[in-house]
Amino acid sequence: MNFINLMKYIFLGFIQGLTEPIPVSSSGHLVIFKSLLNDRVLNDLNFEIIVNFGSLIAILLIFRKDLVQIVHDFFLYSKTKEEIYYSNFRYAWLIVIGSVPAGIAGLLLKDKIETILGGVKVVGFALLVTSLFLFLVKDYKGKKEDNRISVTNAIVIGLFQVLALFPGISRSGATLVGGMQQGLKRETAFKYSFMLYIPISLATMVLGMKDLIESNISTTVWMYYVIGAVVSCIVTYFSTKWFKDVVKHGKLIYFVWYCLLAGILVILFV
């Protein structure tokens, strides 16, 4: 095992874990690092799939109680029609509805968008857009809780998630902005944002499995992948917990300034 390569995979796992849950665009940062370092590891699409899976595991762990309750109530309401289970039954369908726009757009447009708009300068401008979106909702509080999210709210937030197909537009940032713009409470928007992440991430993993299985990957590289995924999972877990606290206390201004500064630096110097 090459120590330098190991450090690269650990570093990229850390970057993935840190940037996936917070509104700074993990895909945009990957494009930036590809441009800065021009390294083979950074262009390893199989590794991207694996470290994204590490982030997904962390999100599933954080929301495990909510997910178990939602699934439990969904099937019990389907079977018994008892009112006590209806709220989570409805919430499960709202997750499905909110995921549809990005799912369709991803299948039809993702490759074209990345080919046409995959340049690092585009990422810089996209970070400025993310900064603006976050600035516009930074003081929003909202009143809607889980049981008051409407189908229209879910569709609109889902359309915001489509914006994350553009490198540099944060998925968590876009859905959080969409949720807050639709009048959801900060904590409600945060939870729904990550509920929408789960099916999209699972779909990405499934679609990438074919190429991953067919790839002739050595045992050593698989070890790099696993280590990178573990790092990604651990860092995602703590980064998400921290971001939840930031959202709860209305401190999105941190990310407004970060995206603004990062966008300007990328446009001018990268």
C-alpha atoms as a PDB file:
ATOM      1  CA  MET A   1       0.000   0.000   0.000  1.00  0.00           C
ATOM      2  CA  ASN A   2       1.419   3.352  -1.096  1.00  0.00           C
ATOM      3  CA  PHE A   3       1.406   5.868   1.766  1.00  0.00           C
ATOM      4  CA  ILE A   4       0.979   8.918  -0.491  1.00  0.00           C
ATOM      5  CA  ASN A   5      -1.989   7.373  -2.298  1.00  0.00           C
ATOM      6  CA  LEU A   6      -3.497   6.368   1.040  1.00  0.00           C
ATOM      7  CA  MET A   7      -3.271   9.964   2.254  1.00  0.00           C
ATOM      8  CA  LYS A   8      -4.959  11.168  -0.934  1.00  0.00           C
ATOM      9  CA  TYR A   9      -7.912   8.833  -0.433  1.00  0.00           C
ATOM     10  CA  ILE A  10      -8.178   9.790   3.243  1.00  0.00           C
ATOM     11  CA  PHE A  11      -8.056  13.471   2.312  1.00  0.00           C
ATOM     12  CA  LEU A  12     -10.773  13.082  -0.328  1.00  0.00           C
ATOM     13  CA  GLY A  13     -12.911  11.040   2.068  1.00  0.00           C
ATOM     14  CA  PHE A  14     -12.561  13.873   4.571  1.00  0.00           C
ATOM     15  CA  ILE A  15     -13.523  16.512   1.987  1.00  0.00           C
ATOM     16  CA  GLN A  16     -16.543  14.458   0.910  1.00  0.00           C
ATOM     17  CA  GLY A  17     -17.657  13.948   4.498  1.00  0.00           C
ATOM     18  CA  LEU A  18     -17.204  17.593   5.404  1.00  0.00           C
ATOM     19  CA  THR A  19     -18.883  19.144   2.356  1.00  0.00           C
ATOM     20  CA  GLU A  20     -21.714  16.668   1.647  1.00  0.00           C
ATOM     21  CA  PRO A  21     -24.124  17.762   4.403  1.00  0.00           C
ATOM     22  CA  ILE A  22     -23.284  21.467   4.567  1.00  0.00           C
ATOM     23  CA  PRO A  23     -24.421  23.993   1.908  1.00  0.00           C
ATOM     24  CA  VAL A  24     -21.108  24.450   0.072  1.00  0.00           C
ATOM     25  CA  SER A  25     -21.464  21.757  -2.668  1.00  0.00           C
ATOM     26  CA  SER A  26     -19.395  18.591  -2.379  1.00  0.00           C
ATOM     27  CA  SER A  27     -19.477  18.124  -6.177  1.00  0.00           C
ATOM     28  CA  GLY A  28     -18.270  21.683  -6.678  1.00  0.00           C
ATOM     29  CA  HIS A  29     -15.372  21.174  -4.295  1.00  0.00           C
ATOM     30  CA  LEU A  30     -14.433  17.995  -6.111  1.00  0.00           C
ATOM     31  CA  VAL A  31     -14.245  19.932  -9.392  1.00  0.00           C
ATOM     32  CA  ILE A  32     -12.083  22.564  -7.696  1.00  0.00           C
ATOM     33  CA  PHE A  33      -9.650  19.995  -6.283  1.00  0.00           C
ATOM     34  CA  LYS A  34      -9.489  18.207  -9.617  1.00  0.00           C
ATOM     35  CA  SER A  35      -8.412  21.480 -11.190  1.00  0.00           C
ATOM     36  CA  LEU A  36      -5.896  22.311  -8.458  1.00  0.00           C
ATOM     37  CA  LEU A  37      -4.240  18.913  -8.079  1.00  0.00           C
ATOM     38  CA  ASN A  38      -4.809  17.252 -11.477  1.00  0.00           C
ATOM     39  CA  ASP A  39      -4.401  13.800  -9.944  1.00  0.00           C
ATOM     40  CA  ARG A  40      -5.626  10.360 -11.091  1.00  0.00           C
ATOM     41  CA  VAL A  41      -7.276   9.693  -7.743  1.00  0.00           C
ATOM     42  CA  LEU A  42      -9.467  12.759  -8.150  1.00  0.00           C
ATOM     43  CA  ASN A  43     -10.814  11.400 -11.435  1.00  0.00           C
ATOM     44  CA  ASP A  44     -11.755   8.010  -9.976  1.00  0.00           C
ATOM     45  CA  LEU A  45     -15.545   7.877 -10.431  1.00  0.00           C
ATOM     46  CA  ASN A  46     -15.755   4.545  -8.592  1.00  0.00           C
ATOM     47  CA  PHE A  47     -14.241   6.198  -5.543  1.00  0.00           C
ATOM     48  CA  GLU A  48     -16.846   8.979  -5.743  1.00  0.00           C
ATOM     49  CA  ILE A  49     -19.585   6.353  -5.584  1.00  0.00           C
ATOM     50  CA  ILE A  50     -18.005   4.646  -2.578  1.00  0.00           C
ATOM     51  CA  VAL A  51     -17.394   7.796  -0.515  1.00  0.00           C
ATOM     52  CA  ASN A  52     -20.927   8.991  -1.294  1.00  0.00           C
ATOM     53  CA  PHE A  53     -22.107   5.682   0.111  1.00  0.00           C
ATOM     54  CA  GLY A  54     -20.094   6.425   3.259  1.00  0.00           C
ATOM     55  CA  SER A  55     -21.961   9.727   3.612  1.00  0.00           C
ATOM     56  CA  LEU A  56     -25.283   7.943   3.072  1.00  0.00           C
ATOM     57  CA  ILE A  57     -24.540   5.503   5.901  1.00  0.00           C
ATOM     58  CA  ALA A  58     -23.882   8.438   8.236  1.00  0.00           C
ATOM     59  CA  ILE A  59     -27.182  10.117   7.315  1.00  0.00           C
ATOM     60  CA  LEU A  60     -29.063   6.848   7.815  1.00  0.00           C
ATOM     61  CA  LEU A  61     -27.500   6.519  11.265  1.00  0.00           C
ATOM     62  CA  ILE A  62     -28.440  10.065  12.261  1.00  0.00           C
ATOM     63  CA  PHE A  63     -32.056   9.726  11.112  1.00  0.00           C
ATOM     64  CA  ARG A  64     -32.463   6.029  11.950  1.00  0.00           C
ATOM     65  CA  LYS A  65     -35.223   6.552  14.530  1.00  0.00           C
ATOM     66  CA  ASP A  66     -37.235   8.799  12.213  1.00  0.00           C
ATOM     67  CA  LEU A  67     -36.779   6.405   9.286  1.00  0.00           C
ATOM     68  CA  VAL A  68     -37.801   3.329  11.275  1.00  0.00           C
ATOM     69  CA  GLN A  69     -40.916   5.139  12.542  1.00  0.00           C
ATOM     70  CA  ILE A  70     -41.842   6.397   9.061  1.00  0.00           C
ATOM     71  CA  VAL A  71     -41.499   2.937   7.487  1.00  0.00           C
ATOM     72  CA  HIS A  72     -43.308   1.292  10.412  1.00  0.00           C
ATOM     73  CA  ASP A  73     -46.244   3.713  10.265  1.00  0.00           C
ATOM     74  CA  PHE A  74     -46.385   3.633   6.466  1.00  0.00           C
ATOM     75  CA  PHE A  75     -47.034  -0.095   6.356  1.00  0.00           C
ATOM     76  CA  LEU A  76     -49.336  -0.116   9.376  1.00  0.00           C
ATOM     77  CA  TYR A  77     -51.503   2.659   7.920  1.00  0.00           C
ATOM     78  CA  SER A  78     -51.557   0.853   4.565  1.00  0.00           C
ATOM     79  CA  LYS A  79     -52.835  -2.222   6.396  1.00  0.00           C
ATOM     80  CA  THR A  80     -55.116  -0.795   9.108  1.00  0.00           C
ATOM     81  CA  LYS A  81     -56.018   2.745   7.962  1.00  0.00           C
ATOM     82  CA  GLU A  82     -55.768   3.849  11.586  1.00  0.00           C
ATOM     83  CA  GLU A  83     -55.459   7.615  11.918  1.00  0.00           C
ATOM     84  CA  ILE A  84     -52.547   7.396  14.384  1.00  0.00           C
ATOM     85  CA  TYR A  85     -50.276   6.206  11.570  1.00  0.00           C
ATOM     86  CA  TYR A  86     -51.471   8.613   8.885  1.00  0.00           C
ATOM     87  CA  SER A  87     -48.993  11.459   9.515  1.00  0.00           C
ATOM     88  CA  ASN A  88     -45.910   9.357   8.769  1.00  0.00           C
ATOM     89  CA  PHE A  89     -47.708   7.555   5.928  1.00  0.00           C
ATOM     90  CA  ARG A  90     -48.263  10.950   4.325  1.00  0.00           C
ATOM     91  CA  TYR A  91     -44.708  12.084   5.104  1.00  0.00           C
ATOM     92  CA  ALA A  92     -43.321   9.014   3.326  1.00  0.00           C
ATOM     93  CA  TRP A  93     -45.238   9.968   0.184  1.00  0.00           C
ATOM     94  CA  LEU A  94     -43.992  13.552   0.488  1.00  0.00           C
ATOM     95  CA  ILE A  95     -40.432  12.195   0.396  1.00  0.00           C
ATOM     96  CA  VAL A  96     -41.270  10.271  -2.775  1.00  0.00           C
ATOM     97  CA  ILE A  97     -42.952  13.296  -4.378  1.00  0.00           C
ATOM     98  CA  GLY A  98     -40.086  15.613  -3.459  1.00  0.00           C
ATOM     99  CA  SER A  99     -37.551  13.181  -4.933  1.00  0.00           C
ATOM    100  CA  VAL A 100     -39.249  12.828  -8.330  1.00  0.00           C
ATOM    101  CA  PRO A 101     -38.085  16.103  -9.977  1.00  0.00           C
ATOM    102  CA  ALA A 102     -34.391  15.509  -9.248  1.00  0.00           C
ATOM    103  CA  GLY A 103     -34.734  11.839 -10.167  1.00  0.00           C
ATOM    104  CA  ILE A 104     -36.166  12.608 -13.590  1.00  0.00           C
ATOM    105  CA  ALA A 105     -33.809  15.518 -14.239  1.00  0.00           C
ATOM    106  CA  GLY A 106     -30.825  13.470 -13.110  1.00  0.00           C
ATOM    107  CA  LEU A 107     -31.584  10.647 -15.544  1.00  0.00           C
ATOM    108  CA  LEU A 108     -32.214  13.000 -18.462  1.00  0.00           C
ATOM    109  CA  LEU A 109     -29.802  15.881 -17.907  1.00  0.00           C
ATOM    110  CA  LYS A 110     -27.009  15.117 -15.420  1.00  0.00           C
ATOM    111  CA  ASP A 111     -24.397  13.962 -17.945  1.00  0.00           C
ATOM    112  CA  LYS A 112     -25.203  16.815 -20.333  1.00  0.00           C
ATOM    113  CA  ILE A 113     -24.995  19.417 -17.567  1.00  0.00           C
ATOM    114  CA  GLU A 114     -21.660  18.092 -16.307  1.00  0.00           C
ATOM    115  CA  THR A 115     -20.264  18.028 -19.865  1.00  0.00           C
ATOM    116  CA  ILE A 116     -21.376  21.554 -20.732  1.00  0.00           C
ATOM    117  CA  LEU A 117     -21.060  23.224 -17.321  1.00  0.00           C
ATOM    118  CA  GLY A 118     -18.370  21.159 -15.626  1.00  0.00           C
ATOM    119  CA  GLY A 119     -15.679  23.838 -15.747  1.00  0.00           C
ATOM    120  CA  VAL A 120     -14.156  25.195 -12.580  1.00  0.00           C
ATOM    121  CA  LYS A 121     -15.145  28.803 -13.381  1.00  0.00           C
ATOM    122  CA  VAL A 122     -18.773  27.697 -13.577  1.00  0.00           C
ATOM    123  CA  VAL A 123     -18.398  26.238 -10.085  1.00  0.00           C
ATOM    124  CA  GLY A 124     -17.131  29.618  -8.879  1.00  0.00           C
ATOM    125  CA  PHE A 125     -20.231  31.403 -10.211  1.00  0.00           C
ATOM    126  CA  ALA A 126     -22.478  28.641  -8.826  1.00  0.00           C
ATOM    127  CA  LEU A 127     -20.975  29.160  -5.373  1.00  0.00           C
ATOM    128  CA  LEU A 128     -21.909  32.837  -5.662  1.00  0.00           C
ATOM    129  CA  VAL A 129     -25.478  31.802  -6.493  1.00  0.00           C
ATOM    130  CA  THR A 130     -25.519  29.491  -3.461  1.00  0.00           C
ATOM    131  CA  SER A 131     -24.267  32.373  -1.329  1.00  0.00           C
ATOM    132  CA  LEU A 132     -27.087  34.606  -2.601  1.00  0.00           C
ATOM    133  CA  PHE A 133     -29.776  31.977  -1.987  1.00  0.00           C
ATOM    134  CA  LEU A 134     -28.564  31.394   1.561  1.00  0.00           C
ATOM    135  CA  PHE A 135     -28.417  35.137   2.214  1.00  0.00           C
ATOM    136  CA  LEU A 136     -32.029  35.598   1.107  1.00  0.00           C
ATOM    137  CA  VAL A 137     -33.366  33.049   3.621  1.00  0.00           C
ATOM    138  CA  LYS A 138     -30.851  33.414   6.444  1.00  0.00           C
ATOM    139  CA  ASP A 139     -33.377  35.129   8.725  1.00  0.00           C
ATOM    140  CA  TYR A 140     -36.403  33.019   7.795  1.00  0.00           C
ATOM    141  CA  LYS A 141     -37.987  31.108  10.652  1.00  0.00           C
ATOM    142  CA  GLY A 142     -41.168  29.631   9.201  1.00  0.00           C
ATOM    143  CA  LYS A 143     -44.004  27.934  11.068  1.00  0.00           C
ATOM    144  CA  LYS A 144     -44.747  24.687   9.242  1.00  0.00           C
ATOM    145  CA  GLU A 145     -43.823  21.422  10.923  1.00  0.00           C
ATOM    146  CA  ASP A 146     -43.672  17.937   9.373  1.00  0.00           C
ATOM    147  CA  ASN A 147     -47.435  17.417   9.402  1.00  0.00           C
ATOM    148  CA  ARG A 148     -48.092  20.715   7.594  1.00  0.00           C
ATOM    149  CA  ILE A 149     -45.852  20.167   4.578  1.00  0.00           C
ATOM    150  CA  SER A 150     -48.128  20.208   1.528  1.00  0.00           C
ATOM    151  CA  VAL A 151     -47.760  18.397  -1.787  1.00  0.00           C
ATOM    152  CA  THR A 152     -47.056  21.769  -3.400  1.00  0.00           C
ATOM    153  CA  ASN A 153     -44.306  22.439  -0.837  1.00  0.00           C
ATOM    154  CA  ALA A 154     -42.773  19.033  -1.610  1.00  0.00           C
ATOM    155  CA  ILE A 155     -42.799  19.655  -5.372  1.00  0.00           C
ATOM    156  CA  VAL A 156     -41.260  23.116  -5.024  1.00  0.00           C
ATOM    157  CA  ILE A 157     -38.519  21.836  -2.704  1.00  0.00           C
ATOM    158  CA  GLY A 158     -37.949  18.968  -5.127  1.00  0.00           C
ATOM    159  CA  LEU A 159     -37.485  21.484  -7.931  1.00  0.00           C
ATOM    160  CA  PHE A 160     -34.926  23.298  -5.804  1.00  0.00           C
ATOM    161  CA  GLN A 161     -33.082  19.986  -5.470  1.00  0.00           C
ATOM    162  CA  VAL A 162     -32.839  19.852  -9.284  1.00  0.00           C
ATOM    163  CA  LEU A 163     -30.587  22.930  -9.093  1.00  0.00           C
ATOM    164  CA  ALA A 164     -27.989  20.780  -7.333  1.00  0.00           C
ATOM    165  CA  LEU A 165     -27.326  19.011 -10.646  1.00  0.00           C
ATOM    166  CA  PHE A 166     -25.265  22.071 -11.517  1.00  0.00           C
ATOM    167  CA  PRO A 167     -21.724  21.691 -10.076  1.00  0.00           C
ATOM    168  CA  GLY A 168     -21.265  24.261  -7.339  1.00  0.00           C
ATOM    169  CA  ILE A 169     -24.929  24.424  -6.321  1.00  0.00           C
ATOM    170  CA  SER A 170     -25.227  22.693  -2.969  1.00  0.00           C
ATOM    171  CA  ARG A 171     -27.930  19.997  -2.717  1.00  0.00           C
ATOM    172  CA  SER A 172     -28.434  20.501   1.017  1.00  0.00           C
ATOM    173  CA  GLY A 173     -28.321  24.264   0.521  1.00  0.00           C
ATOM    174  CA  ALA A 174     -30.838  24.232  -2.337  1.00  0.00           C
ATOM    175  CA  THR A 175     -33.363  22.023  -0.524  1.00  0.00           C
ATOM    176  CA  LEU A 176     -32.912  23.917   2.734  1.00  0.00           C
ATOM    177  CA  VAL A 177     -33.494  27.219   0.944  1.00  0.00           C
ATOM    178  CA  GLY A 178     -36.507  25.723  -0.821  1.00  0.00           C
ATOM    179  CA  GLY A 179     -37.956  24.480   2.458  1.00  0.00           C
ATOM    180  CA  MET A 180     -37.443  27.746   4.293  1.00  0.00           C
ATOM    181  CA  GLN A 181     -38.796  29.703   1.330  1.00  0.00           C
ATOM    182  CA  GLN A 182     -41.932  27.544   1.543  1.00  0.00           C
ATOM    183  CA  GLY A 183     -42.450  28.517   5.167  1.00  0.00           C
ATOM    184  CA  LEU A 184     -41.059  25.426   6.896  1.00  0.00           C
ATOM    185  CA  LYS A 185     -39.472  25.797  10.322  1.00  0.00           C
ATOM    186  CA  ARG A 186     -35.698  25.597  10.215  1.00  0.00           C
ATOM    187  CA  GLU A 187     -35.568  22.180  11.875  1.00  0.00           C
ATOM    188  CA  THR A 188     -38.394  20.905   9.647  1.00  0.00           C
ATOM    189  CA  ALA A 189     -36.632  22.105   6.499  1.00  0.00           C
ATOM    190  CA  PHE A 190     -33.377  20.521   7.697  1.00  0.00           C
ATOM    191  CA  LYS A 191     -34.983  17.127   8.286  1.00  0.00           C
ATOM    192  CA  TYR A 192     -36.901  17.113   4.999  1.00  0.00           C
ATOM    193  CA  SER A 193     -33.762  18.169   3.113  1.00  0.00           C
ATOM    194  CA  PHE A 194     -31.899  15.086   4.314  1.00  0.00           C
ATOM    195  CA  MET A 195     -34.895  12.819   3.802  1.00  0.00           C
ATOM    196  CA  LEU A 196     -34.761  13.841   0.138  1.00  0.00           C
ATOM    197  CA  TYR A 197     -31.024  13.094   0.089  1.00  0.00           C
ATOM    198  CA  ILE A 198     -31.555   9.430   0.979  1.00  0.00           C
ATOM    199  CA  PRO A 199     -33.472   8.220  -2.129  1.00  0.00           C
ATOM    200  CA  ILE A 200     -31.296  10.313  -4.470  1.00  0.00           C
ATOM    201  CA  SER A 201     -28.119   8.944  -2.924  1.00  0.00           C
ATOM    202  CA  LEU A 202     -29.443   5.376  -3.040  1.00  0.00           C
ATOM    203  CA  ALA A 203     -30.362   5.791  -6.712  1.00  0.00           C
ATOM    204  CA  THR A 204     -26.887   7.132  -7.493  1.00  0.00           C
ATOM    205  CA  MET A 205     -25.339   4.151  -5.731  1.00  0.00           C
ATOM    206  CA  VAL A 206     -27.523   1.640  -7.594  1.00  0.00           C
ATOM    207  CA  LEU A 207     -26.897   3.245 -10.988  1.00  0.00           C
ATOM    208  CA  GLY A 208     -23.155   3.231 -10.343  1.00  0.00           C
ATOM    209  CA  MET A 209     -23.002  -0.378  -9.159  1.00  0.00           C
ATOM    210  CA  LYS A 210     -22.844  -1.835 -12.671  1.00  0.00           C
ATOM    211  CA  ASP A 211     -19.688   0.085 -13.573  1.00  0.00           C
ATOM    212  CA  LEU A 212     -18.237  -0.582 -10.130  1.00  0.00           C
ATOM    213  CA  ILE A 213     -18.765  -4.340 -10.426  1.00  0.00           C
ATOM    214  CA  GLU A 214     -17.383  -4.466 -13.963  1.00  0.00           C
ATOM    215  CA  SER A 215     -14.284  -2.473 -13.052  1.00  0.00           C
ATOM    216  CA  ASN A 216     -11.100  -4.452 -12.601  1.00  0.00           C
ATOM    217  CA  ILE A 217     -10.212  -3.061  -9.179  1.00  0.00           C
ATOM    218  CA  SER A 218      -7.253  -4.464  -7.291  1.00  0.00           C
ATOM    219  CA  THR A 219      -7.399  -5.501  -3.639  1.00  0.00           C
ATOM    220  CA  THR A 220      -5.128  -2.600  -2.690  1.00  0.00           C
ATOM    221  CA  VAL A 221      -7.396  -0.044  -4.357  1.00  0.00           C
ATOM    222  CA  TRP A 222     -10.426  -1.587  -2.649  1.00  0.00           C
ATOM    223  CA  MET A 223      -8.662  -1.031   0.657  1.00  0.00           C
ATOM    224  CA  TYR A 224      -8.196   2.627  -0.291  1.00  0.00           C
ATOM    225  CA  TYR A 225     -11.897   2.819  -1.157  1.00  0.00           C
ATOM    226  CA  VAL A 226     -13.004   1.300   2.135  1.00  0.00           C
ATOM    227  CA  ILE A 227     -10.730   3.563   4.185  1.00  0.00           C
ATOM    228  CA  GLY A 228     -11.946   6.632   2.265  1.00  0.00           C
ATOM    229  CA  ALA A 229     -15.573   5.581   2.789  1.00  0.00           C
ATOM    230  CA  VAL A 230     -15.058   5.075   6.530  1.00  0.00           C
ATOM    231  CA  VAL A 231     -13.473   8.538   6.798  1.00  0.00           C
ATOM    232  CA  SER A 232     -16.339   9.998   4.764  1.00  0.00           C
ATOM    233  CA  CYS A 233     -18.918   8.306   7.001  1.00  0.00           C
ATOM    234  CA  ILE A 234     -17.350   9.511  10.259  1.00  0.00           C
ATOM    235  CA  VAL A 235     -16.814  13.077   9.064  1.00  0.00           C
ATOM    236  CA  THR A 236     -20.299  13.266   7.504  1.00  0.00           C
ATOM    237  CA  TYR A 237     -21.832  12.157  10.797  1.00  0.00           C
ATOM    238  CA  PHE A 238     -20.224  14.935  12.834  1.00  0.00           C
ATOM    239  CA  SER A 239     -20.524  17.530  10.075  1.00  0.00           C
ATOM    240  CA  THR A 240     -24.278  16.885   9.814  1.00  0.00           C
ATOM    241  CA  LYS A 241     -24.715  17.131  13.577  1.00  0.00           C
ATOM    242  CA  TRP A 242     -22.849  20.445  13.563  1.00  0.00           C
ATOM    243  CA  PHE A 243     -24.845  21.754  10.609  1.00  0.00           C
ATOM    244  CA  LYS A 244     -28.109  20.876  12.348  1.00  0.00           C
ATOM    245  CA  ASP A 245     -27.086  23.064  15.274  1.00  0.00           C
ATOM    246  CA  VAL A 246     -26.090  25.878  12.897  1.00  0.00           C
ATOM    247  CA  VAL A 247     -29.488  25.768  11.177  1.00  0.00           C
ATOM    248  CA  LYS A 248     -31.357  25.584  14.479  1.00  0.00           C
ATOM    249  CA  HIS A 249     -29.687  28.786  15.687  1.00  0.00           C
ATOM    250  CA  GLY A 250     -30.086  30.609  12.365  1.00  0.00           C
ATOM    251  CA  LYS A 251     -26.361  30.922  11.607  1.00  0.00           C
ATOM    252  CA  LEU A 252     -26.482  30.376   7.841  1.00  0.00           C
ATOM    253  CA  ILE A 253     -24.494  33.594   7.450  1.00  0.00           C
ATOM    254  CA  TYR A 254     -21.357  31.466   8.011  1.00  0.00           C
ATOM    255  CA  PHE A 255     -21.984  29.714   4.708  1.00  0.00           C
ATOM    256  CA  VAL A 256     -23.050  32.892   2.938  1.00  0.00           C
ATOM    257  CA  TRP A 257     -19.600  34.346   3.519  1.00  0.00           C
ATOM    258  CA  TYR A 258     -17.773  31.094   2.800  1.00  0.00           C
ATOM    259  CA  CYS A 259     -19.495  30.525  -0.556  1.00  0.00           C
ATOM    260  CA  LEU A 260     -19.034  34.178  -1.490  1.00  0.00           C
ATOM    261  CA  LEU A 261     -15.308  34.119  -0.717  1.00  0.00           C
ATOM    262  CA  ALA A 262     -14.721  30.692  -2.259  1.00  0.00           C
ATOM    263  CA  GLY A 263     -16.619  31.663  -5.409  1.00  0.00           C
ATOM    264  CA  ILE A 264     -14.605  34.846  -5.883  1.00  0.00           C
ATOM    265  CA  LEU A 265     -11.290  33.069  -5.296  1.00  0.00           C
ATOM    266  CA  VAL A 266     -12.165  30.287  -7.765  1.00  0.00           C
ATOM    267  CA  ILE A 267     -13.211  32.764 -10.464  1.00  0.00           C
ATOM    268  CA  LEU A 268     -10.096  34.896 -10.030  1.00  0.00           C
ATOM    269  CA  PHE A 269      -7.353  32.359  -9.383  1.00  0.00           C
ATOM    270  CA  VAL A 270      -8.304  28.785 -10.322  1.00  0.00           C
END
